[in-house]
Amino acid sequence: MTWIERFEETMKTPAIATTGWFECIPTEQREEAHRLVAMGAHVCVKPASGGGCTVLFDDTEFVAGVFQEKAVAEHFAAAWNQR
């Protein structure tokens, strides 16, 4: 993956808890998203079926983001976990 592809992948998923991130969440799941954010629940990176990585809130199946490259997923997760 080139640096521009990595940058574009990072830009297509807004940071957790931002207005843009909440807008990406399906309407029926937004209440749960607000609850997880309010709790300050941490996220973890797990391999996705079919390749890439999924960022999930710990101890849930709630997806915070999906990325093709593990390093991008880890950066996304770390930004939220270190706030």
N, C-alpha and C. Protein backbone atom coordinates (compact mmCIF):
# COMPACT_ATOMS: atom_id res chain seq x y z
N MET A 1 0.85 -1.18 0.00
CA MET A 1 0.00 0.00 0.00
C MET A 1 0.89 1.23 0.00
N THR A 2 0.64 2.15 -0.90
CA THR A 2 1.44 3.37 -0.98
C THR A 2 1.03 4.32 0.14
N TRP A 3 1.83 5.34 0.36
CA TRP A 3 1.51 6.30 1.41
C TRP A 3 0.21 7.03 1.11
N ILE A 4 -0.09 7.31 -0.15
CA ILE A 4 -1.33 8.01 -0.49
C ILE A 4 -2.54 7.10 -0.25
N GLU A 5 -2.41 5.81 -0.55
CA GLU A 5 -3.49 4.87 -0.26
C GLU A 5 -3.73 4.75 1.25
N ARG A 6 -2.65 4.74 2.01
CA ARG A 6 -2.76 4.68 3.47
C ARG A 6 -3.44 5.95 3.99
N PHE A 7 -3.06 7.09 3.46
CA PHE A 7 -3.66 8.36 3.86
C PHE A 7 -5.15 8.38 3.52
N GLU A 8 -5.50 7.94 2.32
CA GLU A 8 -6.90 7.92 1.91
C GLU A 8 -7.73 6.99 2.78
N GLU A 9 -7.17 5.85 3.15
CA GLU A 9 -7.89 4.92 4.02
C GLU A 9 -8.11 5.55 5.39
N THR A 10 -7.12 6.23 5.92
CA THR A 10 -7.25 6.90 7.20
C THR A 10 -8.33 7.98 7.15
N MET A 11 -8.40 8.71 6.06
CA MET A 11 -9.33 9.82 5.94
C MET A 11 -10.78 9.38 5.74
N LYS A 12 -11.01 8.16 5.25
CA LYS A 12 -12.38 7.75 4.98
C LYS A 12 -13.13 7.33 6.24
N THR A 13 -12.45 7.14 7.35
CA THR A 13 -13.11 6.80 8.61
C THR A 13 -12.81 7.89 9.63
N PRO A 14 -13.81 8.71 9.95
CA PRO A 14 -13.59 9.78 10.94
C PRO A 14 -13.23 9.20 12.30
N ALA A 15 -12.54 9.98 13.10
CA ALA A 15 -12.15 9.56 14.45
C ALA A 15 -13.38 9.24 15.28
N ILE A 16 -13.23 8.26 16.17
CA ILE A 16 -14.33 7.85 17.05
C ILE A 16 -14.81 9.05 17.86
N ALA A 17 -16.12 9.14 18.00
CA ALA A 17 -16.82 10.15 18.80
C ALA A 17 -16.97 11.50 18.10
N THR A 18 -16.47 11.63 16.88
CA THR A 18 -16.68 12.88 16.15
C THR A 18 -18.06 12.83 15.49
N THR A 19 -18.55 13.98 15.10
CA THR A 19 -19.85 14.05 14.42
C THR A 19 -19.85 13.18 13.19
N GLY A 20 -18.79 13.23 12.41
CA GLY A 20 -18.70 12.41 11.20
C GLY A 20 -18.75 10.93 11.50
N TRP A 21 -18.12 10.50 12.59
CA TRP A 21 -18.13 9.09 12.96
C TRP A 21 -19.54 8.65 13.33
N PHE A 22 -20.23 9.45 14.15
CA PHE A 22 -21.60 9.10 14.53
C PHE A 22 -22.50 9.03 13.30
N GLU A 23 -22.27 9.90 12.32
CA GLU A 23 -23.09 9.89 11.10
C GLU A 23 -22.86 8.62 10.28
N CYS A 24 -21.70 7.98 10.43
CA CYS A 24 -21.42 6.72 9.72
C CYS A 24 -22.10 5.52 10.37
N ILE A 25 -22.54 5.68 11.60
CA ILE A 25 -23.17 4.58 12.34
C ILE A 25 -24.63 4.49 11.90
N PRO A 26 -25.12 3.28 11.60
CA PRO A 26 -26.53 3.14 11.25
C PRO A 26 -27.43 3.71 12.36
N THR A 27 -28.49 4.35 11.99
CA THR A 27 -29.38 5.04 12.93
C THR A 27 -29.77 4.16 14.11
N GLU A 28 -30.12 2.91 13.84
CA GLU A 28 -30.58 2.02 14.91
C GLU A 28 -29.46 1.62 15.88
N GLN A 29 -28.22 1.94 15.57
CA GLN A 29 -27.09 1.60 16.44
C GLN A 29 -26.48 2.82 17.11
N ARG A 30 -26.98 4.00 16.82
CA ARG A 30 -26.36 5.22 17.36
C ARG A 30 -26.48 5.34 18.88
N GLU A 31 -27.59 4.88 19.43
CA GLU A 31 -27.74 4.95 20.89
C GLU A 31 -26.64 4.13 21.57
N GLU A 32 -26.39 2.93 21.04
CA GLU A 32 -25.32 2.09 21.57
C GLU A 32 -23.95 2.76 21.37
N ALA A 33 -23.75 3.39 20.24
CA ALA A 33 -22.49 4.10 19.98
C ALA A 33 -22.29 5.22 21.00
N HIS A 34 -23.32 5.98 21.27
CA HIS A 34 -23.22 7.06 22.27
C HIS A 34 -22.92 6.49 23.65
N ARG A 35 -23.53 5.35 23.98
CA ARG A 35 -23.30 4.73 25.28
C ARG A 35 -21.84 4.29 25.42
N LEU A 36 -21.31 3.63 24.39
CA LEU A 36 -19.92 3.16 24.43
C LEU A 36 -18.95 4.33 24.52
N VAL A 37 -19.22 5.39 23.79
CA VAL A 37 -18.35 6.58 23.83
C VAL A 37 -18.42 7.23 25.20
N ALA A 38 -19.62 7.35 25.75
CA ALA A 38 -19.78 7.97 27.07
C ALA A 38 -19.06 7.18 28.16
N MET A 39 -19.06 5.85 28.02
CA MET A 39 -18.36 4.99 28.97
C MET A 39 -16.84 5.08 28.80
N GLY A 40 -16.40 5.57 27.64
CA GLY A 40 -14.97 5.61 27.36
C GLY A 40 -14.41 4.23 27.08
N ALA A 41 -15.29 3.34 26.57
CA ALA A 41 -14.87 1.97 26.29
C ALA A 41 -13.68 1.96 25.33
N HIS A 42 -12.70 1.16 25.64
CA HIS A 42 -11.53 1.02 24.78
C HIS A 42 -11.88 0.19 23.55
N VAL A 43 -11.04 0.27 22.54
CA VAL A 43 -11.21 -0.52 21.33
C VAL A 43 -10.00 -1.42 21.12
N CYS A 44 -10.20 -2.47 20.34
CA CYS A 44 -9.11 -3.38 20.01
C CYS A 44 -9.16 -3.68 18.51
N VAL A 45 -8.05 -4.16 17.98
CA VAL A 45 -7.93 -4.49 16.56
C VAL A 45 -7.98 -5.99 16.40
N LYS A 46 -8.85 -6.46 15.51
CA LYS A 46 -8.97 -7.90 15.24
C LYS A 46 -8.95 -8.12 13.74
N PRO A 47 -8.43 -9.26 13.30
CA PRO A 47 -8.46 -9.57 11.86
C PRO A 47 -9.92 -9.65 11.38
N ALA A 48 -10.16 -9.14 10.19
CA ALA A 48 -11.50 -9.20 9.59
C ALA A 48 -11.58 -10.39 8.66
N SER A 49 -12.76 -10.97 8.59
CA SER A 49 -12.92 -12.08 7.63
C SER A 49 -12.78 -11.49 6.23
N GLY A 50 -12.06 -12.15 5.39
CA GLY A 50 -11.84 -11.64 4.04
C GLY A 50 -10.65 -10.71 3.94
N GLY A 51 -9.89 -10.54 5.03
CA GLY A 51 -8.71 -9.68 5.00
C GLY A 51 -8.94 -8.36 5.69
N GLY A 52 -7.87 -7.69 5.96
CA GLY A 52 -7.95 -6.41 6.65
C GLY A 52 -8.16 -6.59 8.14
N CYS A 53 -8.50 -5.48 8.82
CA CYS A 53 -8.69 -5.48 10.26
C CYS A 53 -9.93 -4.71 10.65
N THR A 54 -10.56 -5.15 11.72
CA THR A 54 -11.72 -4.48 12.27
C THR A 54 -11.34 -3.91 13.62
N VAL A 55 -11.79 -2.70 13.90
CA VAL A 55 -11.61 -2.09 15.20
C VAL A 55 -12.94 -2.23 15.93
N LEU A 56 -12.91 -2.96 17.05
CA LEU A 56 -14.12 -3.23 17.83
C LEU A 56 -13.99 -2.64 19.22
N PHE A 57 -15.12 -2.21 19.79
CA PHE A 57 -15.11 -1.83 21.19
C PHE A 57 -14.90 -3.10 22.00
N ASP A 58 -14.03 -3.04 23.03
CA ASP A 58 -13.70 -4.20 23.85
C ASP A 58 -14.94 -4.91 24.37
N ASP A 59 -14.88 -6.23 24.34
CA ASP A 59 -15.94 -7.09 24.88
C ASP A 59 -17.29 -6.89 24.19
N THR A 60 -17.28 -6.40 22.95
CA THR A 60 -18.51 -6.24 22.18
C THR A 60 -18.23 -6.67 20.74
N GLU A 61 -19.25 -6.67 19.95
CA GLU A 61 -19.12 -6.89 18.51
C GLU A 61 -19.37 -5.57 17.76
N PHE A 62 -19.35 -4.45 18.49
CA PHE A 62 -19.64 -3.14 17.90
C PHE A 62 -18.42 -2.64 17.14
N VAL A 63 -18.59 -2.48 15.84
CA VAL A 63 -17.49 -2.09 14.96
C VAL A 63 -17.33 -0.57 14.96
N ALA A 64 -16.11 -0.13 15.25
CA ALA A 64 -15.79 1.30 15.23
C ALA A 64 -15.15 1.70 13.90
N GLY A 65 -14.56 0.73 13.18
CA GLY A 65 -13.92 1.02 11.90
C GLY A 65 -13.38 -0.26 11.28
N VAL A 66 -13.22 -0.22 9.96
CA VAL A 66 -12.67 -1.36 9.21
C VAL A 66 -11.59 -0.82 8.29
N PHE A 67 -10.44 -1.50 8.27
CA PHE A 67 -9.29 -1.02 7.51
C PHE A 67 -8.63 -2.17 6.78
N GLN A 68 -8.01 -1.87 5.66
CA GLN A 68 -7.29 -2.88 4.89
C GLN A 68 -5.94 -3.20 5.50
N GLU A 69 -5.34 -2.23 6.15
CA GLU A 69 -3.98 -2.41 6.68
C GLU A 69 -3.97 -2.36 8.20
N LYS A 70 -3.32 -3.31 8.82
CA LYS A 70 -3.28 -3.41 10.28
C LYS A 70 -2.69 -2.16 10.93
N ALA A 71 -1.65 -1.60 10.36
CA ALA A 71 -1.01 -0.41 10.94
C ALA A 71 -1.98 0.76 11.00
N VAL A 72 -2.82 0.92 9.99
CA VAL A 72 -3.80 2.01 9.97
C VAL A 72 -4.85 1.75 11.05
N ALA A 73 -5.31 0.50 11.17
CA ALA A 73 -6.29 0.14 12.20
C ALA A 73 -5.72 0.39 13.59
N GLU A 74 -4.47 0.03 13.80
CA GLU A 74 -3.84 0.24 15.10
C GLU A 74 -3.70 1.72 15.43
N HIS A 75 -3.37 2.52 14.44
CA HIS A 75 -3.28 3.97 14.64
C HIS A 75 -4.64 4.55 15.01
N PHE A 76 -5.69 4.13 14.31
CA PHE A 76 -7.05 4.58 14.56
C PHE A 76 -7.46 4.21 16.00
N ALA A 77 -7.19 2.96 16.39
CA ALA A 77 -7.54 2.49 17.73
C ALA A 77 -6.75 3.23 18.80
N ALA A 78 -5.47 3.42 18.58
CA ALA A 78 -4.62 4.10 19.56
C ALA A 78 -5.07 5.54 19.80
N ALA A 79 -5.50 6.20 18.74
CA ALA A 79 -5.96 7.60 18.88
C ALA A 79 -7.13 7.67 19.84
N TRP A 80 -8.03 6.69 19.79
CA TRP A 80 -9.17 6.68 20.70
C TRP A 80 -8.75 6.23 22.11
N ASN A 81 -7.97 5.19 22.21
CA ASN A 81 -7.60 4.64 23.51
C ASN A 81 -6.70 5.57 24.31
N GLN A 82 -5.99 6.48 23.66
CA GLN A 82 -5.06 7.38 24.35
C GLN A 82 -5.65 8.74 24.68
N ARG A 83 -6.91 8.97 24.33
CA ARG A 83 -7.49 10.29 24.55
C ARG A 83 -7.56 10.63 26.01
